[in-house]
Amino acid sequence: MNTKIQSTIEKFYNHLILMDRDIATASAYRTDVLAYVNCTGDTELKFSEEKIYGFLRHLRGRRLAPATIQRRIIGVLRCWRWAYRAGISNEPPLEMKDFGFRSRCRRRVTRVLNENRFNDLLAYLEEHSA
């Protein structure tokens, strides 16, 4: 795996942490994306429907539990959405519903940002807005 792809995946991981994802979830998503890259050979994170379905077939072929497969696909889809918004991937991302997955979370809990988190978020937005 080349340094550029590793750097991009680390940027995705850092984005998750900045967006207040817990470290375990961010680490799991990073691992999922690395598995996707190793399986599909997608060395530029130019996601596609064909590649993600190939990854899904690979996971099913390993006879993993359905919940494990769903979590791994969700990790890759989150990275795809981030990559699309960041201009890394040109293809609009698929959604969980495209795979028949449903979120167990009924609503997202709103968290109050402390001053440091607010400043981090503001700096991130200033850096990534063109």
C-alpha atoms as a PDB file:
ATOM      1  CA  MET A   1       0.000   0.000   0.000  1.00  0.00           C
ATOM      2  CA  ASN A   2       1.405   3.372  -0.964  1.00  0.00           C
ATOM      3  CA  THR A   3       2.033   6.329   1.326  1.00  0.00           C
ATOM      4  CA  LYS A   4      -0.600   8.492  -0.376  1.00  0.00           C
ATOM      5  CA  ILE A   5      -3.433   6.067   0.359  1.00  0.00           C
ATOM      6  CA  GLN A   6      -2.255   5.651   3.954  1.00  0.00           C
ATOM      7  CA  SER A   7      -2.185   9.431   4.342  1.00  0.00           C
ATOM      8  CA  THR A   8      -5.697   9.751   2.916  1.00  0.00           C
ATOM      9  CA  ILE A   9      -7.033   7.073   5.248  1.00  0.00           C
ATOM     10  CA  GLU A  10      -5.399   8.862   8.188  1.00  0.00           C
ATOM     11  CA  LYS A  11      -7.132  12.091   7.114  1.00  0.00           C
ATOM     12  CA  PHE A  12     -10.437  10.198   7.177  1.00  0.00           C
ATOM     13  CA  TYR A  13      -9.616   8.872  10.653  1.00  0.00           C
ATOM     14  CA  ASN A  14      -8.716  12.371  11.876  1.00  0.00           C
ATOM     15  CA  HIS A  15     -11.952  13.710  10.399  1.00  0.00           C
ATOM     16  CA  LEU A  16     -13.938  11.127  12.378  1.00  0.00           C
ATOM     17  CA  ILE A  17     -12.174  12.067  15.600  1.00  0.00           C
ATOM     18  CA  LEU A  18     -12.749  15.755  14.917  1.00  0.00           C
ATOM     19  CA  MET A  19     -16.440  15.056  14.310  1.00  0.00           C
ATOM     20  CA  ASP A  20     -16.549  13.530  17.816  1.00  0.00           C
ATOM     21  CA  ARG A  21     -16.599   9.840  16.895  1.00  0.00           C
ATOM     22  CA  ASP A  22     -15.136   7.697  19.616  1.00  0.00           C
ATOM     23  CA  ILE A  23     -11.657   6.327  19.001  1.00  0.00           C
ATOM     24  CA  ALA A  24     -12.812   2.694  18.824  1.00  0.00           C
ATOM     25  CA  THR A  25     -15.328   3.465  16.057  1.00  0.00           C
ATOM     26  CA  ALA A  26     -12.838   5.595  14.123  1.00  0.00           C
ATOM     27  CA  SER A  27     -10.210   2.842  14.404  1.00  0.00           C
ATOM     28  CA  ALA A  28     -12.697   0.193  13.265  1.00  0.00           C
ATOM     29  CA  TYR A  29     -13.695   2.306  10.245  1.00  0.00           C
ATOM     30  CA  ARG A  30     -10.030   2.826   9.364  1.00  0.00           C
ATOM     31  CA  THR A  31      -9.473  -0.954   9.549  1.00  0.00           C
ATOM     32  CA  ASP A  32     -12.553  -1.512   7.363  1.00  0.00           C
ATOM     33  CA  VAL A  33     -11.233   0.881   4.709  1.00  0.00           C
ATOM     34  CA  LEU A  34      -7.819  -0.787   4.774  1.00  0.00           C
ATOM     35  CA  ALA A  35      -9.517  -4.174   4.247  1.00  0.00           C
ATOM     36  CA  TYR A  36     -11.516  -2.674   1.345  1.00  0.00           C
ATOM     37  CA  VAL A  37      -8.330  -1.317  -0.260  1.00  0.00           C
ATOM     38  CA  ASN A  38      -6.536  -4.655   0.158  1.00  0.00           C
ATOM     39  CA  CYS A  39      -9.499  -6.558  -1.300  1.00  0.00           C
ATOM     40  CA  THR A  40     -10.303  -4.291  -4.248  1.00  0.00           C
ATOM     41  CA  GLY A  41      -6.927  -2.773  -5.040  1.00  0.00           C
ATOM     42  CA  ASP A  42      -8.534   0.691  -4.955  1.00  0.00           C
ATOM     43  CA  THR A  43      -5.313   2.586  -4.309  1.00  0.00           C
ATOM     44  CA  GLU A  44      -6.781   6.073  -4.811  1.00  0.00           C
ATOM     45  CA  LEU A  45     -10.072   5.708  -2.906  1.00  0.00           C
ATOM     46  CA  LYS A  46     -11.970   6.173  -6.163  1.00  0.00           C
ATOM     47  CA  PHE A  47     -14.927   4.217  -4.833  1.00  0.00           C
ATOM     48  CA  SER A  48     -17.435   2.594  -7.158  1.00  0.00           C
ATOM     49  CA  GLU A  49     -20.559   0.489  -6.870  1.00  0.00           C
ATOM     50  CA  GLU A  50     -18.768  -2.416  -8.538  1.00  0.00           C
ATOM     51  CA  LYS A  51     -15.884  -2.336  -6.044  1.00  0.00           C
ATOM     52  CA  ILE A  52     -18.095  -2.088  -2.964  1.00  0.00           C
ATOM     53  CA  TYR A  53     -20.242  -5.007  -4.130  1.00  0.00           C
ATOM     54  CA  GLY A  54     -17.059  -6.980  -4.776  1.00  0.00           C
ATOM     55  CA  PHE A  55     -15.966  -6.228  -1.223  1.00  0.00           C
ATOM     56  CA  LEU A  56     -19.386  -7.312   0.044  1.00  0.00           C
ATOM     57  CA  ARG A  57     -19.076 -10.633  -1.844  1.00  0.00           C
ATOM     58  CA  HIS A  58     -15.596 -11.079  -0.376  1.00  0.00           C
ATOM     59  CA  LEU A  59     -16.897 -10.528   3.171  1.00  0.00           C
ATOM     60  CA  ARG A  60     -19.801 -12.928   2.646  1.00  0.00           C
ATOM     61  CA  GLY A  61     -17.421 -15.491   1.194  1.00  0.00           C
ATOM     62  CA  ARG A  62     -15.475 -15.385   4.450  1.00  0.00           C
ATOM     63  CA  ARG A  63     -18.706 -16.387   6.228  1.00  0.00           C
ATOM     64  CA  LEU A  64     -18.566 -13.471   8.639  1.00  0.00           C
ATOM     65  CA  ALA A  65     -21.579 -12.715  10.806  1.00  0.00           C
ATOM     66  CA  PRO A  66     -24.151 -10.459   9.108  1.00  0.00           C
ATOM     67  CA  ALA A  67     -23.639  -7.765  11.780  1.00  0.00           C
ATOM     68  CA  THR A  68     -19.872  -7.804  11.132  1.00  0.00           C
ATOM     69  CA  ILE A  69     -20.402  -7.502   7.382  1.00  0.00           C
ATOM     70  CA  GLN A  70     -22.814  -4.622   7.878  1.00  0.00           C
ATOM     71  CA  ARG A  71     -20.403  -2.769  10.165  1.00  0.00           C
ATOM     72  CA  ARG A  72     -17.533  -3.180   7.708  1.00  0.00           C
ATOM     73  CA  ILE A  73     -19.602  -1.965   4.765  1.00  0.00           C
ATOM     74  CA  ILE A  74     -20.816   0.994   6.823  1.00  0.00           C
ATOM     75  CA  GLY A  75     -17.198   1.911   7.634  1.00  0.00           C
ATOM     76  CA  VAL A  76     -16.350   1.934   3.926  1.00  0.00           C
ATOM     77  CA  LEU A  77     -19.521   3.881   3.041  1.00  0.00           C
ATOM     78  CA  ARG A  78     -18.650   6.543   5.626  1.00  0.00           C
ATOM     79  CA  CYS A  79     -15.210   6.895   4.083  1.00  0.00           C
ATOM     80  CA  TRP A  80     -16.763   7.060   0.602  1.00  0.00           C
ATOM     81  CA  ARG A  81     -19.108   9.857   1.706  1.00  0.00           C
ATOM     82  CA  TRP A  82     -16.176  11.747   3.237  1.00  0.00           C
ATOM     83  CA  ALA A  83     -14.008  11.199   0.121  1.00  0.00           C
ATOM     84  CA  TYR A  84     -16.818  12.422  -2.143  1.00  0.00           C
ATOM     85  CA  ARG A  85     -17.326  15.575  -0.097  1.00  0.00           C
ATOM     86  CA  ALA A  86     -13.558  16.148   0.005  1.00  0.00           C
ATOM     87  CA  GLY A  87     -13.311  15.817  -3.798  1.00  0.00           C
ATOM     88  CA  ILE A  88     -11.237  12.634  -3.630  1.00  0.00           C
ATOM     89  CA  SER A  89     -13.927  10.415  -5.143  1.00  0.00           C
ATOM     90  CA  ASN A  90     -16.001  11.611  -8.095  1.00  0.00           C
ATOM     91  CA  GLU A  91     -18.721   8.988  -7.751  1.00  0.00           C
ATOM     92  CA  PRO A  92     -21.622   9.825  -5.394  1.00  0.00           C
ATOM     93  CA  PRO A  93     -21.639   7.377  -2.488  1.00  0.00           C
ATOM     94  CA  LEU A  94     -24.119   4.581  -2.021  1.00  0.00           C
ATOM     95  CA  GLU A  95     -26.228   4.591   1.139  1.00  0.00           C
ATOM     96  CA  MET A  96     -26.872   1.951   3.795  1.00  0.00           C
ATOM     97  CA  LYS A  97     -30.368   1.428   2.415  1.00  0.00           C
ATOM     98  CA  ASP A  98     -28.851   0.362  -0.929  1.00  0.00           C
ATOM     99  CA  PHE A  99     -27.653  -2.752   0.906  1.00  0.00           C
ATOM    100  CA  GLY A 100     -30.838  -3.254   2.917  1.00  0.00           C
ATOM    101  CA  PHE A 101     -29.105  -2.130   6.106  1.00  0.00           C
ATOM    102  CA  ARG A 102     -31.014  -0.208   8.746  1.00  0.00           C
ATOM    103  CA  SER A 103     -29.500   1.935  11.428  1.00  0.00           C
ATOM    104  CA  ARG A 104     -30.110   0.863  15.000  1.00  0.00           C
ATOM    105  CA  CYS A 105     -29.789   4.488  16.028  1.00  0.00           C
ATOM    106  CA  ARG A 106     -33.187   6.151  15.879  1.00  0.00           C
ATOM    107  CA  ARG A 107     -31.855   9.647  16.385  1.00  0.00           C
ATOM    108  CA  ARG A 108     -28.505  11.307  16.706  1.00  0.00           C
ATOM    109  CA  VAL A 109     -27.720  12.769  20.103  1.00  0.00           C
ATOM    110  CA  THR A 110     -26.687  16.406  19.935  1.00  0.00           C
ATOM    111  CA  ARG A 111     -23.645  17.200  22.031  1.00  0.00           C
ATOM    112  CA  VAL A 112     -22.644  20.629  23.209  1.00  0.00           C
ATOM    113  CA  LEU A 113     -19.200  21.632  22.002  1.00  0.00           C
ATOM    114  CA  ASN A 114     -16.811  23.011  24.547  1.00  0.00           C
ATOM    115  CA  GLU A 115     -14.688  25.978  23.519  1.00  0.00           C
ATOM    116  CA  ASN A 116     -11.711  23.850  22.439  1.00  0.00           C
ATOM    117  CA  ARG A 117     -13.849  21.523  20.285  1.00  0.00           C
ATOM    118  CA  PHE A 118     -15.605  24.529  18.749  1.00  0.00           C
ATOM    119  CA  ASN A 119     -12.259  26.129  17.866  1.00  0.00           C
ATOM    120  CA  ASP A 120     -11.031  22.813  16.385  1.00  0.00           C
ATOM    121  CA  LEU A 121     -14.181  22.546  14.273  1.00  0.00           C
ATOM    122  CA  LEU A 122     -13.922  26.152  13.127  1.00  0.00           C
ATOM    123  CA  ALA A 123     -10.259  25.705  12.161  1.00  0.00           C
ATOM    124  CA  TYR A 124     -11.111  22.534  10.235  1.00  0.00           C
ATOM    125  CA  LEU A 125     -13.908  24.258   8.344  1.00  0.00           C
ATOM    126  CA  GLU A 126     -11.723  27.257   7.506  1.00  0.00           C
ATOM    127  CA  GLU A 127      -8.939  24.970   6.265  1.00  0.00           C
ATOM    128  CA  HIS A 128     -11.223  22.821   4.096  1.00  0.00           C
ATOM    129  CA  SER A 129     -13.481  25.462   2.598  1.00  0.00           C
ATOM    130  CA  ALA A 130     -12.336  26.827  -0.696  1.00  0.00           C
END
